[in-house]
Amino acid sequence: MTNISYNGYNTNVISMRTDAQIRKNEPVTVDDNGACIAAADGADFIGIAVNTRQDIVSVQTEGYVTLPFSGDAPTTGFCGLVSDGEGGVKVAAGAAKKYKVLTVSDTEDEDAAALVGFIL
């Protein structure tokens, strides 16, 4: 199914304050003071950082995203995902949220990232 794009579906982005170094396209969460921080390994996340500028982060909280995954490949359909602490996600049966996984591109090429596409 090439030439199909889910980008733009129901995309919502919010602006959040941060004191941390956050990379673009990394899962993020909120600290005790309401500031945006990178989601730790095994942590549930509220969204994906889509832009950073000084102490402000734009966080996509809904819509379709594609991220690298580590560990076991996610399954399509509903799948529990958490941050892997490295800018991607991993499968976790005990995740607080199950995401709608639409695409999984596991690869035999060790230089290419294995990607999962899902709706937040």
PDB file of N, CA and C in Angstrom:
ATOM      1  N   MET A   1       0.830  -1.187   0.000  1.00  0.00           N
ATOM      2  CA  MET A   1       0.000   0.000   0.000  1.00  0.00           C
ATOM      3  C   MET A   1       0.868   1.242   0.000  1.00  0.00           C
ATOM      4  N   THR A   2       1.573   1.464  -1.035  1.00  0.00           N
ATOM      5  CA  THR A   2       2.340   2.695  -1.139  1.00  0.00           C
ATOM      6  C   THR A   2       1.417   3.810  -1.597  1.00  0.00           C
ATOM      7  N   ASN A   3       1.890   5.017  -1.538  1.00  0.00           N
ATOM      8  CA  ASN A   3       1.135   6.200  -1.926  1.00  0.00           C
ATOM      9  C   ASN A   3      -0.061   6.477  -1.026  1.00  0.00           C
ATOM     10  N   ILE A   4      -0.094   5.888   0.149  1.00  0.00           N
ATOM     11  CA  ILE A   4      -1.129   6.171   1.137  1.00  0.00           C
ATOM     12  C   ILE A   4      -0.473   6.953   2.259  1.00  0.00           C
ATOM     13  N   SER A   5      -1.110   8.049   2.690  1.00  0.00           N
ATOM     14  CA  SER A   5      -0.569   8.839   3.787  1.00  0.00           C
ATOM     15  C   SER A   5      -1.639   9.075   4.838  1.00  0.00           C
ATOM     16  N   TYR A   6      -1.260   8.867   6.096  1.00  0.00           N
ATOM     17  CA  TYR A   6      -2.151   9.151   7.219  1.00  0.00           C
ATOM     18  C   TYR A   6      -1.789  10.483   7.878  1.00  0.00           C
ATOM     19  N   ASN A   7      -0.702  11.128   7.400  1.00  0.00           N
ATOM     20  CA  ASN A   7      -0.273  12.399   7.977  1.00  0.00           C
ATOM     21  C   ASN A   7      -1.385  13.435   7.882  1.00  0.00           C
ATOM     22  N   GLY A   8      -1.545  14.202   8.944  1.00  0.00           N
ATOM     23  CA  GLY A   8      -2.557  15.248   8.962  1.00  0.00           C
ATOM     24  C   GLY A   8      -3.871  14.806   9.563  1.00  0.00           C
ATOM     25  N   TYR A   9      -4.083  13.494   9.748  1.00  0.00           N
ATOM     26  CA  TYR A   9      -5.333  13.014  10.327  1.00  0.00           C
ATOM     27  C   TYR A   9      -5.477  13.529  11.762  1.00  0.00           C
ATOM     28  N   ASN A  10      -6.485  14.323  12.017  1.00  0.00           N
ATOM     29  CA  ASN A  10      -6.856  14.767  13.367  1.00  0.00           C
ATOM     30  C   ASN A  10      -5.668  15.308  14.172  1.00  0.00           C
ATOM     31  N   THR A  11      -4.726  15.961  13.521  1.00  0.00           N
ATOM     32  CA  THR A  11      -3.524  16.445  14.193  1.00  0.00           C
ATOM     33  C   THR A  11      -3.835  17.621  15.109  1.00  0.00           C
ATOM     34  N   ASN A  12      -3.433  17.495  16.376  1.00  0.00           N
ATOM     35  CA  ASN A  12      -3.542  18.572  17.355  1.00  0.00           C
ATOM     36  C   ASN A  12      -2.191  18.767  18.005  1.00  0.00           C
ATOM     37  N   VAL A  13      -1.795  20.040  18.150  1.00  0.00           N
ATOM     38  CA  VAL A  13      -0.500  20.376  18.726  1.00  0.00           C
ATOM     39  C   VAL A  13      -0.716  21.426  19.807  1.00  0.00           C
ATOM     40  N   ILE A  14      -0.064  21.237  20.953  1.00  0.00           N
ATOM     41  CA  ILE A  14      -0.114  22.220  22.031  1.00  0.00           C
ATOM     42  C   ILE A  14       1.291  22.745  22.303  1.00  0.00           C
ATOM     43  N   SER A  15       1.389  23.929  22.890  1.00  0.00           N
ATOM     44  CA  SER A  15       2.678  24.505  23.285  1.00  0.00           C
ATOM     45  C   SER A  15       2.862  24.303  24.777  1.00  0.00           C
ATOM     46  N   MET A  16       4.060  23.867  25.162  1.00  0.00           N
ATOM     47  CA  MET A  16       4.360  23.623  26.574  1.00  0.00           C
ATOM     48  C   MET A  16       5.701  24.243  26.929  1.00  0.00           C
ATOM     49  N   ARG A  17       5.843  24.615  28.184  1.00  0.00           N
ATOM     50  CA  ARG A  17       7.107  25.136  28.704  1.00  0.00           C
ATOM     51  C   ARG A  17       8.023  23.952  29.023  1.00  0.00           C
ATOM     52  N   THR A  18       9.329  24.169  28.880  1.00  0.00           N
ATOM     53  CA  THR A  18      10.295  23.132  29.241  1.00  0.00           C
ATOM     54  C   THR A  18      11.569  23.755  29.778  1.00  0.00           C
ATOM     55  N   ASP A  19      12.236  23.026  30.654  1.00  0.00           N
ATOM     56  CA  ASP A  19      13.563  23.385  31.136  1.00  0.00           C
ATOM     57  C   ASP A  19      14.575  22.345  30.676  1.00  0.00           C
ATOM     58  N   ALA A  20      14.105  21.371  29.917  1.00  0.00           N
ATOM     59  CA  ALA A  20      14.930  20.231  29.515  1.00  0.00           C
ATOM     60  C   ALA A  20      15.329  20.320  28.045  1.00  0.00           C
ATOM     61  N   GLN A  21      16.334  19.538  27.688  1.00  0.00           N
ATOM     62  CA  GLN A  21      16.730  19.384  26.289  1.00  0.00           C
ATOM     63  C   GLN A  21      15.850  18.306  25.680  1.00  0.00           C
ATOM     64  N   ILE A  22      14.992  18.704  24.767  1.00  0.00           N
ATOM     65  CA  ILE A  22      14.073  17.758  24.137  1.00  0.00           C
ATOM     66  C   ILE A  22      14.353  17.741  22.647  1.00  0.00           C
ATOM     67  N   ARG A  23      14.441  16.535  22.108  1.00  0.00           N
ATOM     68  CA  ARG A  23      14.709  16.381  20.676  1.00  0.00           C
ATOM     69  C   ARG A  23      13.400  16.308  19.903  1.00  0.00           C
ATOM     70  N   LYS A  24      13.450  16.800  18.689  1.00  0.00           N
ATOM     71  CA  LYS A  24      12.296  16.699  17.796  1.00  0.00           C
ATOM     72  C   LYS A  24      11.956  15.227  17.573  1.00  0.00           C
ATOM     73  N   ASN A  25      10.672  14.913  17.513  1.00  0.00           N
ATOM     74  CA  ASN A  25      10.137  13.562  17.266  1.00  0.00           C
ATOM     75  C   ASN A  25      10.384  12.580  18.398  1.00  0.00           C
ATOM     76  N   GLU A  26      10.540  13.078  19.622  1.00  0.00           N
ATOM     77  CA  GLU A  26      10.723  12.164  20.746  1.00  0.00           C
ATOM     78  C   GLU A  26       9.485  12.183  21.637  1.00  0.00           C
ATOM     79  N   PRO A  27       9.111  11.025  22.202  1.00  0.00           N
ATOM     80  CA  PRO A  27       7.973  10.985  23.117  1.00  0.00           C
ATOM     81  C   PRO A  27       8.246  11.836  24.356  1.00  0.00           C
ATOM     82  N   VAL A  28       7.227  12.554  24.794  1.00  0.00           N
ATOM     83  CA  VAL A  28       7.382  13.443  25.946  1.00  0.00           C
ATOM     84  C   VAL A  28       6.264  13.207  26.956  1.00  0.00           C
ATOM     85  N   THR A  29       6.519  13.681  28.165  1.00  0.00           N
ATOM     86  CA  THR A  29       5.541  13.617  29.244  1.00  0.00           C
ATOM     87  C   THR A  29       5.636  14.916  30.039  1.00  0.00           C
ATOM     88  N   VAL A  30       4.982  14.965  31.188  1.00  0.00           N
ATOM     89  CA  VAL A  30       4.936  16.175  32.001  1.00  0.00           C
ATOM     90  C   VAL A  30       5.539  15.881  33.369  1.00  0.00           C
ATOM     91  N   ASP A  31       6.366  16.829  33.881  1.00  0.00           N
ATOM     92  CA  ASP A  31       6.919  16.643  35.225  1.00  0.00           C
ATOM     93  C   ASP A  31       5.941  17.165  36.281  1.00  0.00           C
ATOM     94  N   ASP A  32       6.325  17.096  37.530  1.00  0.00           N
ATOM     95  CA  ASP A  32       5.446  17.499  38.633  1.00  0.00           C
ATOM     96  C   ASP A  32       5.081  18.978  38.604  1.00  0.00           C
ATOM     97  N   ASN A  33       5.858  19.798  37.883  1.00  0.00           N
ATOM     98  CA  ASN A  33       5.591  21.231  37.795  1.00  0.00           C
ATOM     99  C   ASN A  33       4.840  21.617  36.525  1.00  0.00           C
ATOM    100  N   GLY A  34       4.426  20.617  35.751  1.00  0.00           N
ATOM    101  CA  GLY A  34       3.685  20.886  34.520  1.00  0.00           C
ATOM    102  C   GLY A  34       4.545  21.211  33.319  1.00  0.00           C
ATOM    103  N   ALA A  35       5.851  21.031  33.453  1.00  0.00           N
ATOM    104  CA  ALA A  35       6.761  21.294  32.332  1.00  0.00           C
ATOM    105  C   ALA A  35       6.931  20.026  31.499  1.00  0.00           C
ATOM    106  N   CYS A  36       7.199  20.213  30.225  1.00  0.00           N
ATOM    107  CA  CYS A  36       7.405  19.105  29.297  1.00  0.00           C
ATOM    108  C   CYS A  36       8.812  18.547  29.466  1.00  0.00           C
ATOM    109  N   ILE A  37       8.913  17.206  29.547  1.00  0.00           N
ATOM    110  CA  ILE A  37      10.206  16.529  29.633  1.00  0.00           C
ATOM    111  C   ILE A  37      10.187  15.305  28.713  1.00  0.00           C
ATOM    112  N   ALA A  38      11.369  14.845  28.349  1.00  0.00           N
ATOM    113  CA  ALA A  38      11.464  13.615  27.556  1.00  0.00           C
ATOM    114  C   ALA A  38      10.964  12.450  28.394  1.00  0.00           C
ATOM    115  N   ALA A  39      10.199  11.561  27.780  1.00  0.00           N
ATOM    116  CA  ALA A  39       9.684  10.386  28.487  1.00  0.00           C
ATOM    117  C   ALA A  39      10.815   9.386  28.708  1.00  0.00           C
ATOM    118  N   ALA A  40      10.929   8.904  29.923  1.00  0.00           N
ATOM    119  CA  ALA A  40      11.974   7.938  30.284  1.00  0.00           C
ATOM    120  C   ALA A  40      11.649   6.552  29.728  1.00  0.00           C
ATOM    121  N   ASP A  41      12.638   5.678  29.758  1.00  0.00           N
ATOM    122  CA  ASP A  41      12.457   4.294  29.319  1.00  0.00           C
ATOM    123  C   ASP A  41      11.327   3.634  30.104  1.00  0.00           C
ATOM    124  N   GLY A  42      10.341   3.098  29.391  1.00  0.00           N
ATOM    125  CA  GLY A  42       9.220   2.415  30.014  1.00  0.00           C
ATOM    126  C   GLY A  42       8.084   3.319  30.455  1.00  0.00           C
ATOM    127  N   ALA A  43       8.224   4.633  30.235  1.00  0.00           N
ATOM    128  CA  ALA A  43       7.203   5.590  30.678  1.00  0.00           C
ATOM    129  C   ALA A  43       6.109   5.773  29.633  1.00  0.00           C
ATOM    130  N   ASP A  44       4.887   5.986  30.129  1.00  0.00           N
ATOM    131  CA  ASP A  44       3.807   6.395  29.243  1.00  0.00           C
ATOM    132  C   ASP A  44       4.114   7.820  28.783  1.00  0.00           C
ATOM    133  N   PHE A  45       3.569   8.217  27.632  1.00  0.00           N
ATOM    134  CA  PHE A  45       3.850   9.552  27.107  1.00  0.00           C
ATOM    135  C   PHE A  45       2.553  10.243  26.719  1.00  0.00           C
ATOM    136  N   ILE A  46       2.593  11.606  26.744  1.00  0.00           N
ATOM    137  CA  ILE A  46       1.396  12.379  26.406  1.00  0.00           C
ATOM    138  C   ILE A  46       1.373  12.801  24.949  1.00  0.00           C
ATOM    139  N   GLY A  47       2.524  12.749  24.296  1.00  0.00           N
ATOM    140  CA  GLY A  47       2.592  13.158  22.897  1.00  0.00           C
ATOM    141  C   GLY A  47       4.014  13.106  22.378  1.00  0.00           C
ATOM    142  N   ILE A  48       4.190  13.691  21.196  1.00  0.00           N
ATOM    143  CA  ILE A  48       5.478  13.685  20.504  1.00  0.00           C
ATOM    144  C   ILE A  48       5.928  15.124  20.263  1.00  0.00           C
ATOM    145  N   ALA A  49       7.168  15.440  20.623  1.00  0.00           N
ATOM    146  CA  ALA A  49       7.715  16.785  20.384  1.00  0.00           C
ATOM    147  C   ALA A  49       7.886  16.984  18.876  1.00  0.00           C
ATOM    148  N   VAL A  50       7.218  17.981  18.331  1.00  0.00           N
ATOM    149  CA  VAL A  50       7.330  18.224  16.893  1.00  0.00           C
ATOM    150  C   VAL A  50       8.179  19.451  16.576  1.00  0.00           C
ATOM    151  N   ASN A  51       8.432  20.276  17.604  1.00  0.00           N
ATOM    152  CA  ASN A  51       9.284  21.440  17.409  1.00  0.00           C
ATOM    153  C   ASN A  51       9.739  21.940  18.771  1.00  0.00           C
ATOM    154  N   THR A  52      10.949  22.464  18.841  1.00  0.00           N
ATOM    155  CA  THR A  52      11.441  23.072  20.078  1.00  0.00           C
ATOM    156  C   THR A  52      12.048  24.425  19.750  1.00  0.00           C
ATOM    157  N   ARG A  53      11.845  25.358  20.673  1.00  0.00           N
ATOM    158  CA  ARG A  53      12.425  26.691  20.502  1.00  0.00           C
ATOM    159  C   ARG A  53      12.638  27.280  21.876  1.00  0.00           C
ATOM    160  N   GLN A  54      13.898  27.421  22.255  1.00  0.00           N
ATOM    161  CA  GLN A  54      14.285  27.906  23.581  1.00  0.00           C
ATOM    162  C   GLN A  54      13.569  27.106  24.663  1.00  0.00           C
ATOM    163  N   ASP A  55      12.655  27.713  25.404  1.00  0.00           N
ATOM    164  CA  ASP A  55      11.999  27.000  26.495  1.00  0.00           C
ATOM    165  C   ASP A  55      10.553  26.618  26.176  1.00  0.00           C
ATOM    166  N   ILE A  56      10.225  26.516  24.886  1.00  0.00           N
ATOM    167  CA  ILE A  56       8.884  26.134  24.446  1.00  0.00           C
ATOM    168  C   ILE A  56       8.980  24.897  23.539  1.00  0.00           C
ATOM    169  N   VAL A  57       8.083  23.957  23.769  1.00  0.00           N
ATOM    170  CA  VAL A  57       8.023  22.747  22.943  1.00  0.00           C
ATOM    171  C   VAL A  57       6.626  22.636  22.355  1.00  0.00           C
ATOM    172  N   SER A  58       6.540  22.375  21.058  1.00  0.00           N
ATOM    173  CA  SER A  58       5.261  22.062  20.419  1.00  0.00           C
ATOM    174  C   SER A  58       5.092  20.550  20.494  1.00  0.00           C
ATOM    175  N   VAL A  59       3.983  20.122  21.103  1.00  0.00           N
ATOM    176  CA  VAL A  59       3.751  18.699  21.353  1.00  0.00           C
ATOM    177  C   VAL A  59       2.501  18.247  20.606  1.00  0.00           C
ATOM    178  N   GLN A  60       2.670  17.269  19.715  1.00  0.00           N
ATOM    179  CA  GLN A  60       1.525  16.684  19.031  1.00  0.00           C
ATOM    180  C   GLN A  60       0.863  15.706  19.988  1.00  0.00           C
ATOM    181  N   THR A  61      -0.411  15.972  20.312  1.00  0.00           N
ATOM    182  CA  THR A  61      -1.132  15.148  21.276  1.00  0.00           C
ATOM    183  C   THR A  61      -2.180  14.247  20.632  1.00  0.00           C
ATOM    184  N   GLU A  62      -2.472  14.489  19.364  1.00  0.00           N
ATOM    185  CA  GLU A  62      -3.409  13.645  18.620  1.00  0.00           C
ATOM    186  C   GLU A  62      -2.940  13.578  17.180  1.00  0.00           C
ATOM    187  N   GLY A  63      -3.425  12.579  16.470  1.00  0.00           N
ATOM    188  CA  GLY A  63      -3.083  12.428  15.062  1.00  0.00           C
ATOM    189  C   GLY A  63      -2.105  11.297  14.835  1.00  0.00           C
ATOM    190  N   TYR A  64      -1.686  11.164  13.593  1.00  0.00           N
ATOM    191  CA  TYR A  64      -0.812  10.069  13.161  1.00  0.00           C
ATOM    192  C   TYR A  64       0.653  10.458  13.305  1.00  0.00           C
ATOM    193  N   VAL A  65       1.471   9.547  13.822  1.00  0.00           N
ATOM    194  CA  VAL A  65       2.917   9.748  13.943  1.00  0.00           C
ATOM    195  C   VAL A  65       3.636   8.474  13.519  1.00  0.00           C
ATOM    196  N   THR A  66       4.874   8.618  13.111  1.00  0.00           N
ATOM    197  CA  THR A  66       5.747   7.487  12.806  1.00  0.00           C
ATOM    198  C   THR A  66       7.007   7.637  13.638  1.00  0.00           C
ATOM    199  N   LEU A  67       7.338   6.602  14.400  1.00  0.00           N
ATOM    200  CA  LEU A  67       8.516   6.628  15.265  1.00  0.00           C
ATOM    201  C   LEU A  67       9.279   5.322  15.143  1.00  0.00           C
ATOM    202  N   PRO A  68      10.571   5.348  15.463  1.00  0.00           N
ATOM    203  CA  PRO A  68      11.308   4.088  15.525  1.00  0.00           C
ATOM    204  C   PRO A  68      10.842   3.280  16.743  1.00  0.00           C
ATOM    205  N   PHE A  69      10.949   1.971  16.655  1.00  0.00           N
ATOM    206  CA  PHE A  69      10.651   1.135  17.815  1.00  0.00           C
ATOM    207  C   PHE A  69      11.824   0.223  18.105  1.00  0.00           C
ATOM    208  N   SER A  70      11.905  -0.197  19.352  1.00  0.00           N
ATOM    209  CA  SER A  70      12.946  -1.140  19.767  1.00  0.00           C
ATOM    210  C   SER A  70      12.277  -2.361  20.382  1.00  0.00           C
ATOM    211  N   GLY A  71      13.002  -3.457  20.437  1.00  0.00           N
ATOM    212  CA  GLY A  71      12.454  -4.685  21.011  1.00  0.00           C
ATOM    213  C   GLY A  71      11.514  -5.384  20.057  1.00  0.00           C
ATOM    214  N   ASP A  72      10.523  -6.066  20.617  1.00  0.00           N
ATOM    215  CA  ASP A  72       9.551  -6.798  19.804  1.00  0.00           C
ATOM    216  C   ASP A  72       8.758  -5.848  18.916  1.00  0.00           C
ATOM    217  N   ALA A  73       8.423  -6.308  17.728  1.00  0.00           N
ATOM    218  CA  ALA A  73       7.642  -5.492  16.793  1.00  0.00           C
ATOM    219  C   ALA A  73       6.213  -5.331  17.312  1.00  0.00           C
ATOM    220  N   PRO A  74       5.685  -4.104  17.259  1.00  0.00           N
ATOM    221  CA  PRO A  74       4.279  -3.907  17.631  1.00  0.00           C
ATOM    222  C   PRO A  74       3.372  -4.657  16.657  1.00  0.00           C
ATOM    223  N   THR A  75       2.166  -4.953  17.106  1.00  0.00           N
ATOM    224  CA  THR A  75       1.179  -5.565  16.232  1.00  0.00           C
ATOM    225  C   THR A  75       0.235  -4.492  15.730  1.00  0.00           C
ATOM    226  N   THR A  76      -0.291  -4.679  14.532  1.00  0.00           N
ATOM    227  CA  THR A  76      -1.271  -3.725  14.033  1.00  0.00           C
ATOM    228  C   THR A  76      -2.574  -3.898  14.813  1.00  0.00           C
ATOM    229  N   GLY A  77      -3.384  -2.869  14.791  1.00  0.00           N
ATOM    230  CA  GLY A  77      -4.570  -2.842  15.636  1.00  0.00           C
ATOM    231  C   GLY A  77      -4.224  -2.105  16.915  1.00  0.00           C
ATOM    232  N   PHE A  78      -4.866  -2.452  18.008  1.00  0.00           N
ATOM    233  CA  PHE A  78      -4.583  -1.796  19.282  1.00  0.00           C
ATOM    234  C   PHE A  78      -3.383  -2.454  19.950  1.00  0.00           C
ATOM    235  N   CYS A  79      -2.419  -1.621  20.358  1.00  0.00           N
ATOM    236  CA  CYS A  79      -1.180  -2.134  20.935  1.00  0.00           C
ATOM    237  C   CYS A  79      -0.678  -1.157  22.004  1.00  0.00           C
ATOM    238  N   GLY A  80      -0.304  -1.689  23.170  1.00  0.00           N
ATOM    239  CA  GLY A  80       0.255  -0.860  24.229  1.00  0.00           C
ATOM    240  C   GLY A  80       1.680  -0.457  23.894  1.00  0.00           C
ATOM    241  N   LEU A  81       1.949   0.850  23.911  1.00  0.00           N
ATOM    242  CA  LEU A  81       3.284   1.370  23.621  1.00  0.00           C
ATOM    243  C   LEU A  81       3.721   2.314  24.733  1.00  0.00           C
ATOM    244  N   VAL A  82       5.005   2.297  25.045  1.00  0.00           N
ATOM    245  CA  VAL A  82       5.626   3.224  25.983  1.00  0.00           C
ATOM    246  C   VAL A  82       6.914   3.742  25.358  1.00  0.00           C
ATOM    247  N   SER A  83       7.482   4.774  25.950  1.00  0.00           N
ATOM    248  CA  SER A  83       8.761   5.307  25.472  1.00  0.00           C
ATOM    249  C   SER A  83       9.867   4.280  25.689  1.00  0.00           C
ATOM    250  N   ASP A  84      10.835   4.266  24.776  1.00  0.00           N
ATOM    251  CA  ASP A  84      12.002   3.400  24.989  1.00  0.00           C
ATOM    252  C   ASP A  84      13.176   4.190  25.562  1.00  0.00           C
ATOM    253  N   GLY A  85      12.966   5.481  25.850  1.00  0.00           N
ATOM    254  CA  GLY A  85      14.011   6.312  26.436  1.00  0.00           C
ATOM    255  C   GLY A  85      15.074   6.759  25.459  1.00  0.00           C
ATOM    256  N   GLU A  86      14.950   6.379  24.195  1.00  0.00           N
ATOM    257  CA  GLU A  86      15.943   6.713  23.166  1.00  0.00           C
ATOM    258  C   GLU A  86      15.322   7.482  22.004  1.00  0.00           C
ATOM    259  N   GLY A  87      14.132   8.018  22.196  1.00  0.00           N
ATOM    260  CA  GLY A  87      13.466   8.756  21.123  1.00  0.00           C
ATOM    261  C   GLY A  87      12.461   7.938  20.346  1.00  0.00           C
ATOM    262  N   GLY A  88      12.251   6.704  20.757  1.00  0.00           N
ATOM    263  CA  GLY A  88      11.289   5.842  20.090  1.00  0.00           C
ATOM    264  C   GLY A  88      10.335   5.225  21.094  1.00  0.00           C
ATOM    265  N   VAL A  89       9.687   4.156  20.676  1.00  0.00           N
ATOM    266  CA  VAL A  89       8.725   3.465  21.530  1.00  0.00           C
ATOM    267  C   VAL A  89       9.038   1.978  21.562  1.00  0.00           C
ATOM    268  N   LYS A  90       8.386   1.290  22.503  1.00  0.00           N
ATOM    269  CA  LYS A  90       8.486  -0.165  22.581  1.00  0.00           C
ATOM    270  C   LYS A  90       7.161  -0.706  23.078  1.00  0.00           C
ATOM    271  N   VAL A  91       6.933  -1.985  22.808  1.00  0.00           N
ATOM    272  CA  VAL A  91       5.700  -2.647  23.217  1.00  0.00           C
ATOM    273  C   VAL A  91       5.733  -2.882  24.727  1.00  0.00           C
ATOM    274  N   ALA A  92       4.599  -2.619  25.376  1.00  0.00           N
ATOM    275  CA  ALA A  92       4.464  -2.880  26.811  1.00  0.00           C
ATOM    276  C   ALA A  92       3.031  -3.286  27.107  1.00  0.00           C
ATOM    277  N   ALA A  93       2.863  -4.511  27.568  1.00  0.00           N
ATOM    278  CA  ALA A  93       1.518  -5.010  27.865  1.00  0.00           C
ATOM    279  C   ALA A  93       0.828  -4.168  28.923  1.00  0.00           C
ATOM    280  N   GLY A  94       1.593  -3.603  29.862  1.00  0.00           N
ATOM    281  CA  GLY A  94       1.011  -2.822  30.948  1.00  0.00           C
ATOM    282  C   GLY A  94       0.910  -1.336  30.668  1.00  0.00           C
ATOM    283  N   ALA A  95       1.030  -0.926  29.408  1.00  0.00           N
ATOM    284  CA  ALA A  95       0.959   0.501  29.065  1.00  0.00           C
ATOM    285  C   ALA A  95      -0.406   1.062  29.451  1.00  0.00           C
ATOM    286  N   ALA A  96      -0.425   2.323  29.897  1.00  0.00           N
ATOM    287  CA  ALA A  96      -1.677   2.969  30.293  1.00  0.00           C
ATOM    288  C   ALA A  96      -2.606   3.158  29.103  1.00  0.00           C
ATOM    289  N   LYS A  97      -2.040   3.267  27.908  1.00  0.00           N
ATOM    290  CA  LYS A  97      -2.860   3.523  26.724  1.00  0.00           C
ATOM    291  C   LYS A  97      -2.490   2.549  25.613  1.00  0.00           C
ATOM    292  N   LYS A  98      -3.502   2.095  24.919  1.00  0.00           N
ATOM    293  CA  LYS A  98      -3.277   1.292  23.716  1.00  0.00           C
ATOM    294  C   LYS A  98      -3.511   2.207  22.520  1.00  0.00           C
ATOM    295  N   TYR A  99      -2.560   2.196  21.598  1.00  0.00           N
ATOM    296  CA  TYR A  99      -2.618   3.047  20.417  1.00  0.00           C
ATOM    297  C   TYR A  99      -3.099   2.249  19.216  1.00  0.00           C
ATOM    298  N   LYS A 100      -3.685   2.950  18.241  1.00  0.00           N
ATOM    299  CA  LYS A 100      -4.124   2.315  16.997  1.00  0.00           C
ATOM    300  C   LYS A 100      -2.918   2.245  16.068  1.00  0.00           C
ATOM    301  N   VAL A 101      -2.297   1.086  15.977  1.00  0.00           N
ATOM    302  CA  VAL A 101      -1.119   0.890  15.133  1.00  0.00           C
ATOM    303  C   VAL A 101      -1.594   0.555  13.724  1.00  0.00           C
ATOM    304  N   LEU A 102      -1.165   1.368  12.748  1.00  0.00           N
ATOM    305  CA  LEU A 102      -1.575   1.172  11.358  1.00  0.00           C
ATOM    306  C   LEU A 102      -0.489   0.560  10.502  1.00  0.00           C
ATOM    307  N   THR A 103       0.777   0.872  10.800  1.00  0.00           N
ATOM    308  CA  THR A 103       1.878   0.351   9.985  1.00  0.00           C
ATOM    309  C   THR A 103       3.042  -0.082  10.871  1.00  0.00           C
ATOM    310  N   VAL A 104       3.696  -1.157  10.476  1.00  0.00           N
ATOM    311  CA  VAL A 104       4.914  -1.620  11.139  1.00  0.00           C
ATOM    312  C   VAL A 104       5.888  -1.997  10.043  1.00  0.00           C
ATOM    313  N   SER A 105       7.047  -1.358  10.031  1.00  0.00           N
ATOM    314  CA  SER A 105       8.048  -1.688   9.012  1.00  0.00           C
ATOM    315  C   SER A 105       9.299  -2.203   9.710  1.00  0.00           C
ATOM    316  N   ASP A 106       9.245  -3.463  10.077  1.00  0.00           N
ATOM    317  CA  ASP A 106      10.411  -4.135  10.634  1.00  0.00           C
ATOM    318  C   ASP A 106      11.340  -4.410   9.451  1.00  0.00           C
ATOM    319  N   THR A 107      12.622  -4.337   9.673  1.00  0.00           N
ATOM    320  CA  THR A 107      13.551  -4.467   8.557  1.00  0.00           C
ATOM    321  C   THR A 107      14.684  -5.418   8.889  1.00  0.00           C
ATOM    322  N   GLU A 108      15.171  -6.084   7.895  1.00  0.00           N
ATOM    323  CA  GLU A 108      16.337  -6.958   8.047  1.00  0.00           C
ATOM    324  C   GLU A 108      17.630  -6.158   7.919  1.00  0.00           C
ATOM    325  N   ASP A 109      17.532  -4.947   7.367  1.00  0.00           N
ATOM    326  CA  ASP A 109      18.703  -4.090   7.172  1.00  0.00           C
ATOM    327  C   ASP A 109      19.067  -3.460   8.510  1.00  0.00           C
ATOM    328  N   GLU A 110      20.208  -3.837   9.083  1.00  0.00           N
ATOM    329  CA  GLU A 110      20.578  -3.337  10.404  1.00  0.00           C
ATOM    330  C   GLU A 110      20.883  -1.847  10.421  1.00  0.00           C
ATOM    331  N   ASP A 111      21.078  -1.211   9.259  1.00  0.00           N
ATOM    332  CA  ASP A 111      21.309   0.229   9.195  1.00  0.00           C
ATOM    333  C   ASP A 111      20.022   1.038   9.102  1.00  0.00           C
ATOM    334  N   ALA A 112      18.910   0.377   8.820  1.00  0.00           N
ATOM    335  CA  ALA A 112      17.629   1.073   8.691  1.00  0.00           C
ATOM    336  C   ALA A 112      16.826   0.911   9.973  1.00  0.00           C
ATOM    337  N   ALA A 113      16.145   1.961  10.358  1.00  0.00           N
ATOM    338  CA  ALA A 113      15.331   1.919  11.576  1.00  0.00           C
ATOM    339  C   ALA A 113      14.046   1.147  11.342  1.00  0.00           C
ATOM    340  N   ALA A 114      13.639   0.388  12.331  1.00  0.00           N
ATOM    341  CA  ALA A 114      12.333  -0.260  12.314  1.00  0.00           C
ATOM    342  C   ALA A 114      11.330   0.784  12.779  1.00  0.00           C
ATOM    343  N   LEU A 115      10.266   1.000  12.006  1.00  0.00           N
ATOM    344  CA  LEU A 115       9.322   2.081  12.282  1.00  0.00           C
ATOM    345  C   LEU A 115       7.920   1.567  12.558  1.00  0.00           C
ATOM    346  N   VAL A 116       7.215   2.300  13.414  1.00  0.00           N
ATOM    347  CA  VAL A 116       5.811   2.009  13.673  1.00  0.00           C
ATOM    348  C   VAL A 116       5.018   3.297  13.463  1.00  0.00           C
ATOM    349  N   GLY A 117       3.905   3.182  12.743  1.00  0.00           N
ATOM    350  CA  GLY A 117       3.014   4.311  12.521  1.00  0.00           C
ATOM    351  C   GLY A 117       1.740   4.093  13.308  1.00  0.00           C
ATOM    352  N   PHE A 118       1.354   5.080  14.120  1.00  0.00           N
ATOM    353  CA  PHE A 118       0.173   4.898  14.967  1.00  0.00           C
ATOM    354  C   PHE A 118      -0.527   6.226  15.212  1.00  0.00           C
ATOM    355  N   ILE A 119      -1.774   6.119  15.676  1.00  0.00           N
ATOM    356  CA  ILE A 119      -2.575   7.297  15.987  1.00  0.00           C
ATOM    357  C   ILE A 119      -2.531   7.525  17.486  1.00  0.00           C
ATOM    358  N   LEU A 120      -2.151   8.736  17.865  1.00  0.00           N
ATOM    359  CA  LEU A 120      -2.081   9.110  19.282  1.00  0.00           C
ATOM    360  C   LEU A 120      -3.456   9.168  19.904  1.00  0.00           C
TER     361      LEU A 120
END
